[in-house]
Amino acid sequence: MAETVWKLTLTTERLILRPQQPGDYDYWIAGFAGRMESQHQYDDGLVSLEHCDREWFTNLCQRHQQEALSDLFFIFGIFDRCTRQHFGNVDLITIRRDNYQWAVIGYEIHNQHWRKGIGKEAVRAALIAGFESLGYHRIEAIINLDNQASIALAESVGMQKECIRRGFLYENEEWIDQLIYVASPHDVDLVEKPPERAS
């Protein structure tokens, strides 16, 4: 019997979003190695890659496969369509199925690729796939109140500010409030708009 593999692939104008594979190692590590120093408090900036050899990366890809096949966690590597350059990741985490079909979206773009529209293009594609391919009805982004970059990205793809959840996340040894942005399949901005006709 053939082994089951999660291989959902999304294509946009410039990007391919798909599960990372062991053969992506050189592109993946180049993306992280090319990062600049942290640009703000929510940017990890330079990270240690000392333990990230090929065997470690292969195991990471296998864990991602297991989590996706268990309907727990879907992580897409973000790659350039032509060069396979690695721009970052976007993920969807299942919170509850049944009558909820509820997930959380997360995103991380290497900071050397900021301000090019890559995050907006990738997150929008992942939201559409979350609704159309993974069957979610509600997708949330959970954001620190002062994380202006993440707020701007959520709003740019049509997510709607819903509320502030008080004491929702334990961070830096305290419970902190979080902004909740929400997308549903009916959000107009998530629907591909046809090109305008010349008059």
N, C-alpha and C. Protein backbone atom coordinates (compact mmCIF):
# COMPACT_ATOMS: atom_id res chain seq x y z
N MET A 1 0.85 -1.19 0.00
CA MET A 1 0.00 0.00 0.00
C MET A 1 0.89 1.25 0.00
N ALA A 2 0.57 2.21 -0.83
CA ALA A 2 1.35 3.43 -0.91
C ALA A 2 1.19 4.25 0.36
N GLU A 3 2.28 4.87 0.80
CA GLU A 3 2.25 5.70 2.00
C GLU A 3 1.46 6.98 1.73
N THR A 4 0.61 7.38 2.67
CA THR A 4 -0.16 8.61 2.54
C THR A 4 0.74 9.81 2.78
N VAL A 5 0.62 10.80 1.90
CA VAL A 5 1.44 12.00 2.01
C VAL A 5 0.54 13.21 1.86
N TRP A 6 0.74 14.19 2.73
CA TRP A 6 0.04 15.46 2.59
C TRP A 6 0.84 16.33 1.64
N LYS A 7 0.22 16.75 0.53
CA LYS A 7 0.98 17.47 -0.49
C LYS A 7 0.21 18.63 -1.09
N LEU A 8 -0.72 19.22 -0.34
CA LEU A 8 -1.49 20.35 -0.84
C LEU A 8 -0.54 21.47 -1.26
N THR A 9 -0.65 21.91 -2.50
CA THR A 9 0.21 22.94 -3.06
C THR A 9 -0.63 24.10 -3.56
N LEU A 10 -0.23 25.32 -3.19
CA LEU A 10 -0.94 26.53 -3.58
C LEU A 10 -0.01 27.36 -4.46
N THR A 11 -0.56 27.92 -5.52
CA THR A 11 0.23 28.72 -6.45
C THR A 11 -0.39 30.10 -6.58
N THR A 12 0.43 31.13 -6.46
CA THR A 12 0.00 32.51 -6.65
C THR A 12 0.81 33.10 -7.80
N GLU A 13 0.68 34.38 -7.99
CA GLU A 13 1.40 35.03 -9.08
C GLU A 13 2.91 34.83 -8.97
N ARG A 14 3.44 34.95 -7.76
CA ARG A 14 4.90 34.86 -7.57
C ARG A 14 5.35 33.66 -6.75
N LEU A 15 4.41 33.01 -6.05
CA LEU A 15 4.79 32.08 -4.99
C LEU A 15 4.24 30.68 -5.20
N ILE A 16 4.91 29.74 -4.57
CA ILE A 16 4.38 28.39 -4.35
C ILE A 16 4.39 28.14 -2.85
N LEU A 17 3.25 27.74 -2.32
CA LEU A 17 3.14 27.35 -0.92
C LEU A 17 2.88 25.87 -0.89
N ARG A 18 3.68 25.13 -0.14
CA ARG A 18 3.54 23.68 -0.09
C ARG A 18 4.25 23.13 1.14
N PRO A 19 4.00 21.86 1.47
CA PRO A 19 4.74 21.25 2.57
C PRO A 19 6.24 21.23 2.24
N GLN A 20 7.04 21.55 3.23
CA GLN A 20 8.49 21.50 3.03
C GLN A 20 8.95 20.06 2.93
N GLN A 21 9.95 19.83 2.10
CA GLN A 21 10.47 18.50 1.82
C GLN A 21 11.97 18.48 2.13
N PRO A 22 12.52 17.31 2.44
CA PRO A 22 13.95 17.24 2.74
C PRO A 22 14.83 17.89 1.68
N GLY A 23 14.43 17.83 0.41
CA GLY A 23 15.21 18.44 -0.66
C GLY A 23 15.22 19.95 -0.65
N ASP A 24 14.39 20.56 0.22
CA ASP A 24 14.34 22.02 0.33
C ASP A 24 15.39 22.56 1.28
N TYR A 25 16.19 21.69 1.86
CA TYR A 25 17.08 22.11 2.95
C TYR A 25 17.95 23.31 2.60
N ASP A 26 18.61 23.28 1.46
CA ASP A 26 19.53 24.37 1.11
C ASP A 26 18.79 25.70 0.98
N TYR A 27 17.58 25.68 0.41
CA TYR A 27 16.79 26.91 0.26
C TYR A 27 16.29 27.39 1.62
N TRP A 28 15.87 26.44 2.45
CA TRP A 28 15.36 26.77 3.78
C TRP A 28 16.44 27.42 4.63
N ILE A 29 17.62 26.80 4.65
CA ILE A 29 18.66 27.33 5.53
C ILE A 29 19.21 28.66 4.99
N ALA A 30 19.21 28.83 3.67
CA ALA A 30 19.65 30.10 3.10
C ALA A 30 18.69 31.22 3.49
N GLY A 31 17.39 30.92 3.54
CA GLY A 31 16.41 31.92 3.94
C GLY A 31 16.65 32.41 5.36
N PHE A 32 16.88 31.47 6.29
CA PHE A 32 17.14 31.87 7.67
C PHE A 32 18.51 32.52 7.83
N ALA A 33 19.51 32.01 7.11
CA ALA A 33 20.86 32.58 7.22
C ALA A 33 20.93 33.99 6.67
N GLY A 34 20.03 34.34 5.75
CA GLY A 34 20.04 35.66 5.14
C GLY A 34 19.31 36.72 5.93
N ARG A 35 18.75 36.36 7.07
CA ARG A 35 18.00 37.33 7.86
C ARG A 35 18.89 38.46 8.39
N MET A 36 18.27 39.62 8.53
CA MET A 36 18.92 40.75 9.17
C MET A 36 18.65 40.69 10.67
N GLU A 37 19.31 41.56 11.43
CA GLU A 37 19.03 41.64 12.86
C GLU A 37 17.57 42.03 13.07
N SER A 38 17.06 41.73 14.26
CA SER A 38 15.65 41.97 14.57
C SER A 38 15.27 43.42 14.28
N GLN A 39 14.12 43.58 13.62
CA GLN A 39 13.63 44.90 13.24
C GLN A 39 12.67 45.49 14.29
N HIS A 40 12.06 44.63 15.11
CA HIS A 40 11.20 45.08 16.20
C HIS A 40 11.02 43.93 17.16
N GLN A 41 10.31 44.15 18.27
CA GLN A 41 10.25 43.16 19.34
C GLN A 41 9.58 41.85 18.95
N TYR A 42 8.80 41.84 17.87
CA TYR A 42 8.13 40.61 17.45
C TYR A 42 8.82 39.94 16.26
N ASP A 43 9.99 40.41 15.93
CA ASP A 43 10.79 39.83 14.85
C ASP A 43 11.96 39.07 15.47
N ASP A 44 12.04 37.77 15.22
CA ASP A 44 13.13 36.97 15.78
C ASP A 44 14.49 37.36 15.22
N GLY A 45 14.49 37.93 14.02
CA GLY A 45 15.76 38.34 13.42
C GLY A 45 16.69 37.16 13.22
N LEU A 46 17.96 37.35 13.53
CA LEU A 46 18.95 36.29 13.38
C LEU A 46 18.67 35.16 14.37
N VAL A 47 18.73 33.94 13.89
CA VAL A 47 18.51 32.77 14.75
C VAL A 47 19.68 31.82 14.60
N SER A 48 19.92 31.04 15.64
CA SER A 48 21.00 30.06 15.59
C SER A 48 20.59 28.87 14.73
N LEU A 49 21.46 28.50 13.80
CA LEU A 49 21.21 27.36 12.93
C LEU A 49 22.17 26.21 13.24
N GLU A 50 22.81 26.28 14.38
CA GLU A 50 23.86 25.33 14.73
C GLU A 50 23.38 23.89 14.71
N HIS A 51 22.17 23.65 15.18
CA HIS A 51 21.65 22.28 15.27
C HIS A 51 20.86 21.87 14.02
N CYS A 52 20.73 22.76 13.05
CA CYS A 52 19.81 22.53 11.92
C CYS A 52 20.53 21.89 10.74
N ASP A 53 20.97 20.65 10.92
CA ASP A 53 21.61 19.94 9.81
C ASP A 53 20.54 19.24 8.97
N ARG A 54 20.98 18.52 7.95
CA ARG A 54 20.01 17.89 7.04
C ARG A 54 19.15 16.85 7.74
N GLU A 55 19.75 16.09 8.64
CA GLU A 55 18.97 15.08 9.36
C GLU A 55 17.90 15.74 10.21
N TRP A 56 18.24 16.82 10.89
CA TRP A 56 17.26 17.56 11.70
C TRP A 56 16.13 18.07 10.81
N PHE A 57 16.48 18.61 9.65
CA PHE A 57 15.45 19.15 8.76
C PHE A 57 14.55 18.05 8.21
N THR A 58 15.12 16.90 7.89
CA THR A 58 14.32 15.77 7.41
C THR A 58 13.31 15.34 8.48
N ASN A 59 13.77 15.29 9.72
CA ASN A 59 12.86 14.95 10.83
C ASN A 59 11.77 16.01 11.00
N LEU A 60 12.13 17.28 10.81
CA LEU A 60 11.14 18.35 10.89
C LEU A 60 10.06 18.17 9.83
N CYS A 61 10.47 17.88 8.61
CA CYS A 61 9.50 17.65 7.52
C CYS A 61 8.59 16.47 7.84
N GLN A 62 9.16 15.42 8.41
CA GLN A 62 8.35 14.24 8.76
C GLN A 62 7.34 14.58 9.86
N ARG A 63 7.74 15.38 10.84
CA ARG A 63 6.80 15.79 11.90
C ARG A 63 5.67 16.62 11.31
N HIS A 64 6.01 17.53 10.38
CA HIS A 64 4.97 18.33 9.74
C HIS A 64 3.98 17.44 8.99
N GLN A 65 4.48 16.42 8.34
CA GLN A 65 3.60 15.48 7.63
C GLN A 65 2.65 14.79 8.61
N GLN A 66 3.18 14.29 9.71
CA GLN A 66 2.36 13.59 10.69
C GLN A 66 1.28 14.50 11.27
N GLU A 67 1.66 15.75 11.56
CA GLU A 67 0.70 16.70 12.13
C GLU A 67 -0.41 17.03 11.12
N ALA A 68 -0.04 17.17 9.85
CA ALA A 68 -1.04 17.47 8.82
C ALA A 68 -1.98 16.28 8.61
N LEU A 69 -1.43 15.09 8.54
CA LEU A 69 -2.25 13.90 8.32
C LEU A 69 -3.17 13.61 9.52
N SER A 70 -2.80 14.14 10.68
CA SER A 70 -3.65 14.01 11.88
C SER A 70 -4.62 15.18 12.02
N ASP A 71 -4.63 16.09 11.02
CA ASP A 71 -5.53 17.25 11.01
C ASP A 71 -5.28 18.17 12.20
N LEU A 72 -4.01 18.27 12.61
CA LEU A 72 -3.66 19.13 13.74
C LEU A 72 -3.06 20.46 13.29
N PHE A 73 -2.15 20.38 12.30
CA PHE A 73 -1.29 21.52 12.03
C PHE A 73 -0.83 21.41 10.57
N PHE A 74 -1.17 22.41 9.77
CA PHE A 74 -0.77 22.43 8.36
C PHE A 74 0.21 23.59 8.16
N ILE A 75 1.45 23.26 7.84
CA ILE A 75 2.45 24.30 7.65
C ILE A 75 2.93 24.29 6.20
N PHE A 76 2.86 25.47 5.60
CA PHE A 76 3.28 25.66 4.21
C PHE A 76 4.59 26.45 4.18
N GLY A 77 5.60 25.90 3.51
CA GLY A 77 6.76 26.71 3.19
C GLY A 77 6.39 27.65 2.05
N ILE A 78 6.93 28.86 2.08
CA ILE A 78 6.65 29.86 1.05
C ILE A 78 7.88 29.98 0.18
N PHE A 79 7.73 29.64 -1.11
CA PHE A 79 8.86 29.61 -2.04
C PHE A 79 8.60 30.48 -3.25
N ASP A 80 9.66 31.01 -3.82
CA ASP A 80 9.57 31.70 -5.11
C ASP A 80 9.24 30.67 -6.19
N ARG A 81 8.30 31.00 -7.06
CA ARG A 81 7.87 30.04 -8.09
C ARG A 81 9.01 29.64 -9.02
N CYS A 82 9.93 30.56 -9.28
CA CYS A 82 10.98 30.29 -10.27
C CYS A 82 12.27 29.80 -9.62
N THR A 83 12.70 30.44 -8.54
CA THR A 83 14.02 30.15 -7.98
C THR A 83 14.01 29.19 -6.80
N ARG A 84 12.83 28.93 -6.23
CA ARG A 84 12.65 28.12 -5.03
C ARG A 84 13.22 28.80 -3.78
N GLN A 85 13.57 30.08 -3.89
CA GLN A 85 14.01 30.83 -2.73
C GLN A 85 12.96 30.74 -1.63
N HIS A 86 13.41 30.54 -0.39
CA HIS A 86 12.50 30.35 0.74
C HIS A 86 12.24 31.69 1.41
N PHE A 87 10.96 32.08 1.49
CA PHE A 87 10.59 33.38 2.04
C PHE A 87 10.07 33.31 3.47
N GLY A 88 9.67 32.12 3.92
CA GLY A 88 9.11 31.98 5.26
C GLY A 88 8.07 30.87 5.30
N ASN A 89 7.13 30.98 6.23
CA ASN A 89 6.11 29.95 6.41
C ASN A 89 4.78 30.57 6.77
N VAL A 90 3.72 29.86 6.46
CA VAL A 90 2.39 30.19 6.96
C VAL A 90 1.74 28.89 7.42
N ASP A 91 1.03 28.94 8.53
CA ASP A 91 0.46 27.69 9.06
C ASP A 91 -0.98 27.87 9.49
N LEU A 92 -1.69 26.77 9.47
CA LEU A 92 -3.07 26.69 9.94
C LEU A 92 -3.15 25.59 10.99
N ILE A 93 -3.66 25.95 12.17
CA ILE A 93 -3.77 25.00 13.28
C ILE A 93 -5.25 24.76 13.56
N THR A 94 -5.66 23.51 13.52
CA THR A 94 -7.05 23.17 13.82
C THR A 94 -7.33 23.34 15.30
N ILE A 95 -8.33 24.17 15.64
CA ILE A 95 -8.75 24.33 17.02
C ILE A 95 -9.87 23.34 17.33
N ARG A 96 -10.90 23.32 16.48
CA ARG A 96 -12.00 22.38 16.69
C ARG A 96 -12.72 22.14 15.37
N ARG A 97 -13.10 20.91 15.12
CA ARG A 97 -13.89 20.57 13.93
C ARG A 97 -15.37 20.51 14.32
N ASP A 98 -16.04 19.41 14.05
CA ASP A 98 -17.46 19.23 14.36
C ASP A 98 -18.28 20.41 13.84
N ASN A 99 -19.04 21.04 14.70
CA ASN A 99 -19.91 22.14 14.27
C ASN A 99 -19.20 23.49 14.25
N TYR A 100 -17.90 23.50 14.43
CA TYR A 100 -17.15 24.76 14.52
C TYR A 100 -16.27 25.00 13.28
N GLN A 101 -15.52 23.99 12.85
CA GLN A 101 -14.59 24.12 11.72
C GLN A 101 -13.73 25.39 11.90
N TRP A 102 -12.97 25.38 12.99
CA TRP A 102 -12.32 26.57 13.52
C TRP A 102 -10.81 26.35 13.54
N ALA A 103 -10.07 27.34 13.04
CA ALA A 103 -8.61 27.25 12.99
C ALA A 103 -7.98 28.59 13.30
N VAL A 104 -6.68 28.55 13.56
CA VAL A 104 -5.86 29.74 13.76
C VAL A 104 -4.79 29.78 12.69
N ILE A 105 -4.52 30.96 12.14
CA ILE A 105 -3.48 31.12 11.15
C ILE A 105 -2.29 31.86 11.77
N GLY A 106 -1.10 31.44 11.38
CA GLY A 106 0.12 32.12 11.79
C GLY A 106 1.01 32.35 10.58
N TYR A 107 1.87 33.34 10.65
CA TYR A 107 2.73 33.64 9.50
C TYR A 107 4.05 34.23 9.96
N GLU A 108 5.09 33.91 9.21
CA GLU A 108 6.43 34.42 9.49
C GLU A 108 7.17 34.58 8.16
N ILE A 109 7.56 35.79 7.85
CA ILE A 109 8.32 36.08 6.63
C ILE A 109 9.72 36.52 7.04
N HIS A 110 10.76 35.95 6.43
CA HIS A 110 12.12 36.38 6.72
C HIS A 110 12.24 37.89 6.51
N ASN A 111 12.86 38.58 7.44
CA ASN A 111 12.80 40.03 7.41
C ASN A 111 13.54 40.69 6.24
N GLN A 112 14.42 39.95 5.57
CA GLN A 112 15.05 40.53 4.38
C GLN A 112 14.09 40.61 3.20
N HIS A 113 12.90 40.00 3.35
CA HIS A 113 11.90 40.01 2.26
C HIS A 113 10.66 40.82 2.62
N TRP A 114 10.74 41.60 3.68
CA TRP A 114 9.59 42.43 4.05
C TRP A 114 9.34 43.54 3.03
N ARG A 115 8.13 44.04 3.07
CA ARG A 115 7.71 45.20 2.26
C ARG A 115 7.74 44.92 0.76
N LYS A 116 7.52 43.66 0.40
CA LYS A 116 7.43 43.28 -1.01
C LYS A 116 6.07 42.67 -1.34
N GLY A 117 5.17 42.63 -0.36
CA GLY A 117 3.85 42.05 -0.58
C GLY A 117 3.82 40.54 -0.49
N ILE A 118 4.93 39.91 -0.10
CA ILE A 118 4.99 38.45 -0.05
C ILE A 118 4.07 37.90 1.05
N GLY A 119 4.08 38.54 2.21
CA GLY A 119 3.23 38.08 3.30
C GLY A 119 1.76 38.14 2.93
N LYS A 120 1.34 39.25 2.34
CA LYS A 120 -0.07 39.39 1.94
C LYS A 120 -0.45 38.32 0.92
N GLU A 121 0.39 38.08 -0.06
CA GLU A 121 0.10 37.10 -1.11
C GLU A 121 0.00 35.69 -0.53
N ALA A 122 0.92 35.37 0.39
CA ALA A 122 0.95 34.03 0.97
C ALA A 122 -0.21 33.80 1.94
N VAL A 123 -0.47 34.77 2.79
CA VAL A 123 -1.54 34.60 3.79
C VAL A 123 -2.90 34.52 3.11
N ARG A 124 -3.11 35.34 2.11
CA ARG A 124 -4.37 35.29 1.38
C ARG A 124 -4.59 33.91 0.75
N ALA A 125 -3.54 33.36 0.13
CA ALA A 125 -3.64 32.03 -0.48
C ALA A 125 -3.94 30.97 0.57
N ALA A 126 -3.30 31.08 1.74
CA ALA A 126 -3.51 30.09 2.79
C ALA A 126 -4.93 30.17 3.35
N LEU A 127 -5.46 31.38 3.49
CA LEU A 127 -6.84 31.52 3.95
C LEU A 127 -7.82 30.87 2.98
N ILE A 128 -7.66 31.14 1.70
CA ILE A 128 -8.54 30.55 0.70
C ILE A 128 -8.45 29.02 0.74
N ALA A 129 -7.23 28.50 0.84
CA ALA A 129 -7.06 27.04 0.93
C ALA A 129 -7.68 26.49 2.21
N GLY A 130 -7.58 27.27 3.30
CA GLY A 130 -8.19 26.84 4.55
C GLY A 130 -9.68 26.63 4.41
N PHE A 131 -10.33 27.52 3.66
CA PHE A 131 -11.78 27.39 3.44
C PHE A 131 -12.10 26.34 2.38
N GLU A 132 -11.44 26.42 1.25
CA GLU A 132 -11.83 25.61 0.09
C GLU A 132 -11.28 24.19 0.14
N SER A 133 -10.09 23.99 0.68
CA SER A 133 -9.46 22.66 0.67
C SER A 133 -9.47 21.97 2.02
N LEU A 134 -9.38 22.75 3.10
CA LEU A 134 -9.30 22.15 4.44
C LEU A 134 -10.62 22.22 5.19
N GLY A 135 -11.60 22.92 4.64
CA GLY A 135 -12.95 22.87 5.19
C GLY A 135 -13.21 23.70 6.42
N TYR A 136 -12.35 24.66 6.72
CA TYR A 136 -12.61 25.53 7.86
C TYR A 136 -13.72 26.53 7.53
N HIS A 137 -14.40 26.98 8.57
CA HIS A 137 -15.40 28.04 8.42
C HIS A 137 -14.96 29.33 9.08
N ARG A 138 -14.14 29.21 10.11
CA ARG A 138 -13.65 30.37 10.85
C ARG A 138 -12.14 30.24 11.02
N ILE A 139 -11.41 31.26 10.60
CA ILE A 139 -9.95 31.27 10.78
C ILE A 139 -9.57 32.56 11.51
N GLU A 140 -8.90 32.41 12.62
CA GLU A 140 -8.50 33.54 13.45
C GLU A 140 -7.00 33.82 13.32
N ALA A 141 -6.64 35.07 13.49
CA ALA A 141 -5.25 35.47 13.74
C ALA A 141 -5.23 36.05 15.15
N ILE A 142 -4.29 35.59 15.96
CA ILE A 142 -4.16 36.03 17.36
C ILE A 142 -2.91 36.91 17.43
N ILE A 143 -3.07 38.19 17.77
CA ILE A 143 -2.02 39.19 17.57
C ILE A 143 -1.83 40.03 18.82
N ASN A 144 -0.58 40.29 19.17
CA ASN A 144 -0.29 41.22 20.26
C ASN A 144 -0.83 42.61 19.93
N LEU A 145 -1.31 43.31 20.95
CA LEU A 145 -2.00 44.57 20.74
C LEU A 145 -1.14 45.61 20.02
N ASP A 146 0.18 45.56 20.22
CA ASP A 146 1.06 46.56 19.62
C ASP A 146 1.88 46.03 18.45
N ASN A 147 1.49 44.87 17.92
CA ASN A 147 2.22 44.31 16.76
C ASN A 147 1.62 44.89 15.49
N GLN A 148 2.03 46.10 15.15
CA GLN A 148 1.43 46.82 14.04
C GLN A 148 1.65 46.12 12.70
N ALA A 149 2.80 45.48 12.51
CA ALA A 149 3.06 44.80 11.24
C ALA A 149 2.09 43.65 11.02
N SER A 150 1.86 42.87 12.06
CA SER A 150 0.94 41.73 11.93
C SER A 150 -0.50 42.19 11.78
N ILE A 151 -0.87 43.26 12.48
CA ILE A 151 -2.21 43.82 12.34
C ILE A 151 -2.43 44.30 10.90
N ALA A 152 -1.45 45.01 10.36
CA ALA A 152 -1.57 45.53 9.00
C ALA A 152 -1.70 44.40 7.99
N LEU A 153 -0.97 43.31 8.20
CA LEU A 153 -1.06 42.18 7.27
C LEU A 153 -2.44 41.54 7.35
N ALA A 154 -2.94 41.32 8.56
CA ALA A 154 -4.28 40.72 8.70
C ALA A 154 -5.33 41.58 8.01
N GLU A 155 -5.27 42.89 8.22
CA GLU A 155 -6.25 43.78 7.61
C GLU A 155 -6.10 43.83 6.09
N SER A 156 -4.88 43.69 5.59
CA SER A 156 -4.66 43.79 4.15
C SER A 156 -5.29 42.65 3.37
N VAL A 157 -5.51 41.50 4.03
CA VAL A 157 -6.14 40.37 3.34
C VAL A 157 -7.63 40.26 3.65
N GLY A 158 -8.18 41.25 4.34
CA GLY A 158 -9.61 41.27 4.57
C GLY A 158 -10.07 40.68 5.88
N MET A 159 -9.15 40.33 6.78
CA MET A 159 -9.58 39.83 8.08
C MET A 159 -10.17 40.99 8.88
N GLN A 160 -11.15 40.66 9.72
CA GLN A 160 -11.88 41.67 10.46
C GLN A 160 -11.53 41.61 11.95
N LYS A 161 -11.28 42.78 12.54
CA LYS A 161 -11.04 42.83 13.98
C LYS A 161 -12.32 42.45 14.71
N GLU A 162 -12.23 41.46 15.58
CA GLU A 162 -13.42 41.00 16.28
C GLU A 162 -13.45 41.45 17.74
N CYS A 163 -12.33 41.27 18.46
CA CYS A 163 -12.36 41.56 19.89
C CYS A 163 -10.94 41.57 20.45
N ILE A 164 -10.86 41.91 21.73
CA ILE A 164 -9.64 41.72 22.51
C ILE A 164 -9.94 40.64 23.54
N ARG A 165 -9.17 39.58 23.56
CA ARG A 165 -9.31 38.54 24.59
C ARG A 165 -8.37 38.87 25.74
N ARG A 166 -8.94 39.05 26.89
CA ARG A 166 -8.17 39.49 28.05
C ARG A 166 -7.39 38.33 28.66
N GLY A 167 -6.12 38.58 28.96
CA GLY A 167 -5.29 37.57 29.60
C GLY A 167 -5.24 36.27 28.85
N PHE A 168 -5.14 36.35 27.52
CA PHE A 168 -5.32 35.16 26.68
C PHE A 168 -4.03 34.37 26.45
N LEU A 169 -2.88 35.04 26.51
CA LEU A 169 -1.60 34.39 26.19
C LEU A 169 -0.60 34.62 27.30
N TYR A 170 0.09 33.54 27.70
CA TYR A 170 1.15 33.65 28.71
C TYR A 170 2.46 33.92 28.01
N GLU A 171 3.01 35.11 28.22
CA GLU A 171 4.22 35.54 27.51
C GLU A 171 5.07 36.39 28.45
N ASN A 172 6.36 36.11 28.48
CA ASN A 172 7.28 36.85 29.35
C ASN A 172 6.80 36.89 30.80
N GLU A 173 6.35 35.71 31.25
CA GLU A 173 5.96 35.49 32.65
C GLU A 173 4.74 36.31 33.09
N GLU A 174 3.85 36.60 32.14
CA GLU A 174 2.59 37.25 32.50
C GLU A 174 1.53 36.90 31.46
N TRP A 175 0.27 36.99 31.87
CA TRP A 175 -0.85 36.76 30.97
C TRP A 175 -1.19 38.09 30.31
N ILE A 176 -1.20 38.08 28.98
CA ILE A 176 -1.40 39.34 28.25
C ILE A 176 -2.63 39.26 27.34
N ASP A 177 -3.19 40.43 27.06
CA ASP A 177 -4.34 40.53 26.16
C ASP A 177 -3.90 40.31 24.71
N GLN A 178 -4.83 39.83 23.90
CA GLN A 178 -4.54 39.60 22.49
C GLN A 178 -5.69 40.10 21.61
N LEU A 179 -5.32 40.68 20.48
CA LEU A 179 -6.30 41.05 19.46
C LEU A 179 -6.69 39.82 18.67
N ILE A 180 -7.97 39.70 18.34
CA ILE A 180 -8.46 38.61 17.51
C ILE A 180 -8.99 39.18 16.20
N TYR A 181 -8.36 38.76 15.11
CA TYR A 181 -8.86 39.06 13.76
C TYR A 181 -9.43 37.78 13.18
N VAL A 182 -10.51 37.91 12.42
CA VAL A 182 -11.23 36.74 11.94
C VAL A 182 -11.51 36.84 10.45
N ALA A 183 -11.42 35.71 9.77
CA ALA A 183 -11.87 35.60 8.37
C ALA A 183 -12.87 34.47 8.27
N SER A 184 -13.85 34.65 7.40
CA SER A 184 -14.82 33.59 7.08
C SER A 184 -14.88 33.46 5.57
N PRO A 185 -15.48 32.38 5.07
CA PRO A 185 -15.54 32.20 3.61
C PRO A 185 -16.29 33.32 2.89
N HIS A 186 -17.05 34.11 3.62
CA HIS A 186 -17.87 35.15 2.99
C HIS A 186 -17.19 36.50 2.92
N ASP A 187 -15.97 36.60 3.44
CA ASP A 187 -15.27 37.88 3.38
C ASP A 187 -14.95 38.23 1.94
N VAL A 188 -15.47 39.35 1.48
CA VAL A 188 -15.37 39.74 0.06
C VAL A 188 -13.92 39.83 -0.40
N ASP A 189 -13.04 40.35 0.47
CA ASP A 189 -11.66 40.58 0.07
C ASP A 189 -10.89 39.28 -0.20
N LEU A 190 -11.45 38.14 0.23
CA LEU A 190 -10.76 36.87 0.00
C LEU A 190 -11.13 36.27 -1.35
N VAL A 191 -12.12 36.82 -1.99
CA VAL A 191 -12.57 36.28 -3.28
C VAL A 191 -11.77 36.95 -4.38
N GLU A 192 -11.25 36.14 -5.29
CA GLU A 192 -10.47 36.70 -6.42
C GLU A 192 -11.36 37.59 -7.26
N LYS A 193 -10.92 38.81 -7.46
CA LYS A 193 -11.70 39.76 -8.24
C LYS A 193 -11.33 39.63 -9.72
N PRO A 194 -12.34 39.61 -10.62
CA PRO A 194 -12.04 39.52 -12.05
C PRO A 194 -11.37 40.80 -12.53
N PRO A 195 -10.53 40.72 -13.54
CA PRO A 195 -9.90 41.94 -14.05
C PRO A 195 -10.94 42.89 -14.61
N GLU A 196 -10.67 44.19 -14.43
CA GLU A 196 -11.60 45.19 -14.95
C GLU A 196 -11.50 45.26 -16.47
N ARG A 197 -12.66 45.40 -17.10
CA ARG A 197 -12.69 45.51 -18.56
C ARG A 197 -12.41 46.94 -18.99
N ALA A 198 -11.70 47.08 -20.06
CA ALA A 198 -11.45 48.42 -20.59
C ALA A 198 -12.75 48.98 -21.15
N SER A 199 -13.03 50.24 -20.86
CA SER A 199 -14.29 50.83 -21.35
C SER A 199 -14.14 51.33 -22.77
